[in-house]
Amino acid sequence: MVRVRRRSVLLLSMTVLTTCLPLQSLFAESGGSAHGALMFTSLLTLILVAIIFFLLVLPEEERKAIGAGLLKARAFFVPRATDRAMDSEHEYDGIRELDNSIPPWFTTLFVATILFGAAYMLVYHVLESAPLMIDEYREEVAAADLQRRIMIATEGSIDENALSALEDGEALQRGAAEYAKYCVSCHGPAGGGLVGPNLTDDYWIHGAGVRDVYMTIKNGVPQKGMISWELVFTPKQIQEIASFVLSLRGTNPPNAKKPEGELAGAAEGVAPGAGGSPVDSSAAPTTL
């Protein structure tokens, strides 16, 4: 009997290992992406198939022993029928109140949560061997700032006093991609304005020159709810976004927001109603 059990355990181990190893490599190749969930589900399915196959090839005596073990495990989760609840001697509207005993699995789970809480406090707050969420956030912010500094150093510096609107297609496409990610929620997909102002008409709140738009994106408008994007984009990216925003002028999308601000004129280098990217002037940004 001992030899049979050892042989059965060895057979089960080999079956599970041969099932898990290929899926482990697939899960690693998935890089933790959305395919990882599918790989994990497939892994559990194949393990279940392996266990069923193992039970089918077992001798009858082994299956009876496993069945007896499962019954013992079931008794741990489900109270026995002989365990009757105590009568609390309280009755209301024909309904007797019984004092049912707590299931063993619930008690075990409750004790496990206490042990987990004690271990968590010991690791994170007493020994401080693992970082807290705020520490992880600060590390991520520092890493992002370092990455941004590397990007700025790679792209070179930009003279903000001598900016010009970019006109090449690739730069405008990059600006459009960033606009689609971060700006559509306030200004709309076509720039017609939602919470933020309309970017396609001739009226501008903070100036219509490329430097005006650049500084608005860089510094933000906190009183209007627009954050500063200086820590998100590099100067080159801000210039690309500003150039794309200026290219929207005169497109007249449907359901555009009413004009806000002042009419852009010669001070911005573009006659009212003209489309395309205006040429920046040396004037300081106009603010309300």
Protein backbone atom coordinates (compact mmCIF):
# COMPACT_ATOMS: atom_id res chain seq x y z
CA MET A 1 0.00 0.00 0.00
CA VAL A 2 2.85 2.39 0.85
CA ARG A 3 4.55 1.68 -2.47
CA VAL A 4 1.29 2.27 -4.33
CA ARG A 5 0.80 5.60 -2.60
CA ARG A 6 4.35 6.70 -3.30
CA ARG A 7 3.97 5.72 -6.94
CA SER A 8 0.67 7.63 -7.12
CA VAL A 9 2.17 10.76 -5.58
CA LEU A 10 5.09 10.56 -7.99
CA LEU A 11 2.70 10.18 -10.94
CA LEU A 12 0.67 13.20 -9.80
CA SER A 13 3.79 15.32 -9.31
CA MET A 14 5.13 14.46 -12.76
CA THR A 15 1.76 15.17 -14.37
CA VAL A 16 1.41 18.58 -12.71
CA LEU A 17 5.02 19.53 -13.47
CA THR A 18 4.76 18.61 -17.14
CA THR A 19 1.59 20.69 -17.27
CA CYS A 20 2.89 23.76 -15.44
CA LEU A 21 6.35 24.15 -16.97
CA PRO A 22 5.24 25.04 -20.52
CA LEU A 23 2.62 27.45 -19.19
CA GLN A 24 5.16 29.02 -16.87
CA SER A 25 7.32 29.97 -19.84
CA LEU A 26 4.28 31.33 -21.67
CA PHE A 27 3.29 33.40 -18.65
CA ALA A 28 6.82 34.81 -18.41
CA GLU A 29 6.80 35.70 -22.11
CA SER A 30 3.50 37.53 -21.69
CA GLY A 31 5.33 40.14 -19.63
CA GLY A 32 2.51 40.51 -17.13
CA SER A 33 0.19 41.90 -19.81
CA ALA A 34 -3.46 41.06 -20.39
CA HIS A 35 -2.40 37.67 -21.74
CA GLY A 36 -1.18 36.80 -18.25
CA ALA A 37 -4.73 36.36 -16.99
CA LEU A 38 -5.50 33.99 -19.87
CA MET A 39 -2.33 32.03 -19.21
CA PHE A 40 -3.20 31.74 -15.51
CA THR A 41 -6.70 30.50 -16.31
CA SER A 42 -5.30 27.96 -18.76
CA LEU A 43 -2.83 26.82 -16.11
CA LEU A 44 -5.59 26.16 -13.57
CA THR A 45 -7.66 24.33 -16.18
CA LEU A 46 -4.82 22.03 -17.15
CA ILE A 47 -4.00 21.33 -13.50
CA LEU A 48 -7.62 20.32 -12.96
CA VAL A 49 -7.46 18.03 -16.00
CA ALA A 50 -4.24 16.52 -14.68
CA ILE A 51 -5.82 15.83 -11.28
CA ILE A 52 -8.87 14.20 -12.90
CA PHE A 53 -6.57 12.05 -15.05
CA PHE A 54 -4.62 11.10 -11.97
CA LEU A 55 -7.76 10.03 -10.13
CA LEU A 56 -8.89 7.90 -13.08
CA VAL A 57 -5.68 5.87 -13.17
CA LEU A 58 -5.54 5.35 -9.40
CA PRO A 59 -6.42 1.96 -7.93
CA GLU A 60 -9.78 1.67 -6.19
CA GLU A 61 -8.21 1.51 -2.73
CA GLU A 62 -6.36 4.76 -3.35
CA ARG A 63 -9.53 6.49 -4.52
CA LYS A 64 -11.34 5.35 -1.35
CA ALA A 65 -8.54 6.75 0.80
CA ILE A 66 -8.68 10.08 -1.03
CA GLY A 67 -12.48 10.13 -0.67
CA ALA A 68 -12.17 9.59 3.08
CA GLY A 69 -9.70 12.47 3.30
CA LEU A 70 -12.08 14.75 1.37
CA LEU A 71 -14.89 13.86 3.77
CA LYS A 72 -12.72 14.84 6.71
CA ALA A 73 -11.91 18.14 5.01
CA ARG A 74 -15.62 18.70 4.34
CA ALA A 75 -16.37 18.24 8.03
CA PHE A 76 -14.01 21.16 8.72
CA PHE A 77 -16.04 23.53 6.53
CA VAL A 78 -19.55 22.16 7.02
CA PRO A 79 -20.81 21.37 10.52
CA ARG A 80 -21.98 17.82 11.04
CA ALA A 81 -25.68 17.07 11.09
CA THR A 82 -25.39 15.86 14.69
CA ASP A 83 -24.18 19.30 15.82
CA ARG A 84 -27.50 20.78 16.83
CA ALA A 85 -27.87 24.43 17.64
CA MET A 86 -28.68 25.37 21.22
CA ASP A 87 -32.15 26.72 21.92
CA SER A 88 -31.96 30.28 23.28
CA GLU A 89 -35.47 29.86 24.74
CA HIS A 90 -36.64 32.92 22.88
CA GLU A 91 -39.58 32.82 20.51
CA TYR A 92 -41.29 35.60 18.57
CA ASP A 93 -44.19 35.27 16.15
CA GLY A 94 -43.82 31.52 16.11
CA ILE A 95 -40.10 31.65 15.26
CA ARG A 96 -37.64 30.14 17.76
CA GLU A 97 -34.20 31.74 18.06
CA LEU A 98 -31.33 29.26 17.96
CA ASP A 99 -27.72 29.74 18.96
CA ASN A 100 -25.86 28.24 16.00
CA SER A 101 -22.22 27.43 16.45
CA ILE A 102 -19.69 29.32 14.31
CA PRO A 103 -18.37 27.21 11.40
CA PRO A 104 -14.72 26.15 11.81
CA TRP A 105 -13.70 27.77 8.51
CA PHE A 106 -14.99 31.16 9.71
CA THR A 107 -13.05 30.93 12.95
CA THR A 108 -9.92 29.91 11.06
CA LEU A 109 -10.33 32.81 8.61
CA PHE A 110 -10.81 35.25 11.50
CA VAL A 111 -7.64 34.04 13.22
CA ALA A 112 -5.77 34.23 9.89
CA THR A 113 -6.77 37.89 9.45
CA ILE A 114 -5.46 38.69 12.93
CA LEU A 115 -2.16 36.96 12.18
CA PHE A 116 -1.92 38.75 8.83
CA GLY A 117 -2.57 42.11 10.49
CA ALA A 118 0.12 41.46 13.08
CA ALA A 119 2.62 40.41 10.41
CA TYR A 120 1.72 43.46 8.28
CA MET A 121 2.27 45.84 11.19
CA LEU A 122 5.56 44.14 12.06
CA VAL A 123 6.93 44.25 8.50
CA TYR A 124 5.71 47.71 7.46
CA HIS A 125 5.59 49.75 10.67
CA VAL A 126 7.92 48.12 13.20
CA LEU A 127 10.82 46.64 11.23
CA GLU A 128 10.15 48.90 8.20
CA SER A 129 11.60 46.22 5.95
CA ALA A 130 9.08 46.98 3.19
CA PRO A 131 8.11 50.43 1.80
CA LEU A 132 4.71 51.94 2.50
CA MET A 133 2.45 53.14 -0.32
CA ILE A 134 3.55 56.76 0.16
CA ASP A 135 7.19 55.70 -0.07
CA GLU A 136 6.51 53.74 -3.25
CA TYR A 137 4.76 56.80 -4.68
CA ARG A 138 7.70 59.04 -3.88
CA GLU A 139 10.09 56.56 -5.49
CA GLU A 140 7.97 56.47 -8.64
CA VAL A 141 7.81 60.27 -8.76
CA ALA A 142 11.58 60.49 -8.34
CA ALA A 143 12.10 57.91 -11.09
CA ALA A 144 9.72 59.77 -13.41
CA ASP A 145 11.50 63.06 -12.69
CA LEU A 146 14.84 61.44 -13.45
CA GLN A 147 13.47 60.04 -16.70
CA ARG A 148 12.12 63.46 -17.62
CA ARG A 149 15.49 65.10 -16.92
CA ILE A 150 17.16 62.53 -19.17
CA MET A 151 14.64 63.26 -21.93
CA ILE A 152 15.21 67.01 -21.60
CA ALA A 153 18.97 66.53 -21.72
CA THR A 154 18.61 64.32 -24.79
CA GLU A 155 16.31 66.70 -26.65
CA GLY A 156 18.30 69.82 -25.79
CA SER A 157 17.08 73.15 -24.48
CA ILE A 158 14.49 75.45 -26.09
CA ASP A 159 14.65 79.22 -26.16
CA GLU A 160 11.19 80.13 -24.90
CA ASN A 161 11.62 83.74 -26.02
CA ALA A 162 12.17 82.74 -29.63
CA LEU A 163 9.57 80.02 -30.14
CA SER A 164 8.01 79.31 -33.50
CA ALA A 165 5.10 77.11 -34.42
CA LEU A 166 6.18 73.76 -35.87
CA GLU A 167 4.74 72.95 -39.26
CA ASP A 168 6.19 69.53 -40.16
CA GLY A 169 3.69 66.68 -40.18
CA GLU A 170 5.53 64.40 -37.75
CA ALA A 171 5.73 67.07 -35.03
CA LEU A 172 2.05 67.92 -35.43
CA GLN A 173 1.14 64.21 -35.27
CA ARG A 174 3.07 63.81 -32.03
CA GLY A 175 1.34 66.89 -30.65
CA ALA A 176 -2.04 65.52 -31.75
CA ALA A 177 -1.31 62.20 -30.01
CA GLU A 178 -0.53 63.94 -26.71
CA TYR A 179 -3.57 66.18 -27.12
CA ALA A 180 -5.77 63.12 -27.62
CA LYS A 181 -4.43 61.59 -24.39
CA TYR A 182 -4.54 64.56 -22.04
CA CYS A 183 -6.54 67.46 -23.48
CA VAL A 184 -9.75 66.10 -25.03
CA SER A 185 -11.53 65.82 -21.67
CA CYS A 186 -11.51 69.62 -21.33
CA HIS A 187 -11.21 70.95 -24.89
CA GLY A 188 -12.98 68.23 -26.89
CA PRO A 189 -11.58 65.89 -29.56
CA ALA A 190 -11.76 68.58 -32.25
CA GLY A 191 -10.80 71.48 -29.99
CA GLY A 192 -14.32 72.93 -29.87
CA GLY A 193 -14.22 73.20 -26.07
CA LEU A 194 -16.02 71.41 -23.24
CA VAL A 195 -15.03 72.48 -19.74
CA GLY A 196 -12.13 74.37 -21.27
CA PRO A 197 -12.44 77.10 -23.92
CA ASN A 198 -12.84 76.71 -27.66
CA LEU A 199 -9.44 76.46 -29.37
CA THR A 200 -10.67 76.84 -32.94
CA ASP A 201 -12.08 80.38 -33.00
CA ASP A 202 -10.37 83.79 -33.03
CA TYR A 203 -10.99 84.57 -29.36
CA TRP A 204 -8.28 83.68 -26.86
CA ILE A 205 -8.15 84.14 -23.11
CA HIS A 206 -4.39 83.94 -22.63
CA GLY A 207 -3.10 85.00 -26.03
CA ALA A 208 -3.03 83.39 -29.47
CA GLY A 209 0.73 83.35 -30.13
CA VAL A 210 2.71 80.15 -29.97
CA ARG A 211 4.61 81.46 -26.93
CA ASP A 212 1.32 82.33 -25.24
CA VAL A 213 -0.07 78.83 -25.80
CA TYR A 214 3.27 77.30 -24.82
CA MET A 215 3.35 79.17 -21.50
CA THR A 216 -0.31 78.35 -20.81
CA ILE A 217 0.38 74.65 -21.23
CA LYS A 218 3.60 74.84 -19.26
CA ASN A 219 2.32 76.86 -16.29
CA GLY A 220 -1.34 75.84 -16.43
CA VAL A 221 -4.28 77.93 -15.24
CA PRO A 222 -4.85 76.77 -11.64
CA GLN A 223 -7.76 79.17 -11.04
CA LYS A 224 -9.59 77.56 -13.96
CA GLY A 225 -8.65 73.98 -13.03
CA MET A 226 -5.88 73.49 -15.60
CA ILE A 227 -2.79 71.96 -14.03
CA SER A 228 0.77 72.77 -14.95
CA TRP A 229 2.05 70.26 -17.49
CA GLU A 230 5.69 71.21 -16.98
CA LEU A 231 6.40 68.03 -15.01
CA VAL A 232 4.61 65.82 -17.52
CA PHE A 233 5.92 66.99 -20.88
CA THR A 234 9.35 68.06 -22.03
CA PRO A 235 9.75 71.54 -23.55
CA LYS A 236 9.87 69.96 -27.00
CA GLN A 237 6.61 68.10 -26.39
CA ILE A 238 4.93 71.29 -25.13
CA GLN A 239 6.02 73.05 -28.29
CA GLU A 240 4.55 70.24 -30.39
CA ILE A 241 1.24 70.36 -28.49
CA ALA A 242 1.10 74.15 -28.77
CA SER A 243 1.75 73.92 -32.51
CA PHE A 244 -1.03 71.38 -32.92
CA VAL A 245 -3.43 73.55 -30.89
CA LEU A 246 -2.67 76.52 -33.14
CA SER A 247 -3.27 74.37 -36.21
CA LEU A 248 -6.86 73.89 -35.05
CA ARG A 249 -7.64 77.59 -35.44
CA GLY A 250 -10.29 78.23 -38.06
CA THR A 251 -11.42 74.59 -38.37
CA ASN A 252 -14.91 75.39 -37.01
CA PRO A 253 -15.94 71.99 -35.58
CA PRO A 254 -19.65 71.27 -34.97
CA ASN A 255 -21.18 72.15 -31.58
CA ALA A 256 -18.24 74.38 -30.72
CA LYS A 257 -18.32 76.39 -27.52
CA LYS A 258 -19.08 80.11 -27.62
CA PRO A 259 -16.08 82.47 -27.93
CA GLU A 260 -14.30 83.47 -24.74
CA GLY A 261 -11.57 86.03 -24.16
CA GLU A 262 -10.38 88.72 -26.55
CA LEU A 263 -10.30 88.79 -30.33
CA ALA A 264 -6.86 87.89 -31.64
CA GLY A 265 -5.46 90.54 -33.96
CA ALA A 266 -2.22 91.91 -35.27
CA ALA A 267 -0.57 91.62 -31.87
CA GLU A 268 -0.61 87.85 -32.30
CA GLY A 269 0.63 88.02 -35.87
CA VAL A 270 -2.54 86.59 -37.46
CA ALA A 271 -5.54 88.35 -38.90
CA PRO A 272 -8.90 87.30 -37.36
CA GLY A 273 -10.49 84.36 -39.16
CA ALA A 274 -7.25 83.02 -40.59
CA GLY A 275 -6.51 79.35 -40.23
CA GLY A 276 -3.23 77.60 -39.68
CA SER A 277 -0.53 78.33 -37.12
CA PRO A 278 0.00 81.96 -36.17
CA VAL A 279 3.44 83.46 -35.89
CA ASP A 280 4.44 84.35 -32.35
CA SER A 281 5.19 87.86 -31.27
CA SER A 282 7.51 89.08 -28.57
CA ALA A 283 4.62 90.35 -26.48
CA ALA A 284 4.07 88.79 -23.08
CA PRO A 285 1.15 86.36 -22.64
CA THR A 286 -2.20 88.03 -22.22
CA THR A 287 -4.10 87.02 -19.07
CA LEU A 288 -7.47 87.99 -17.67
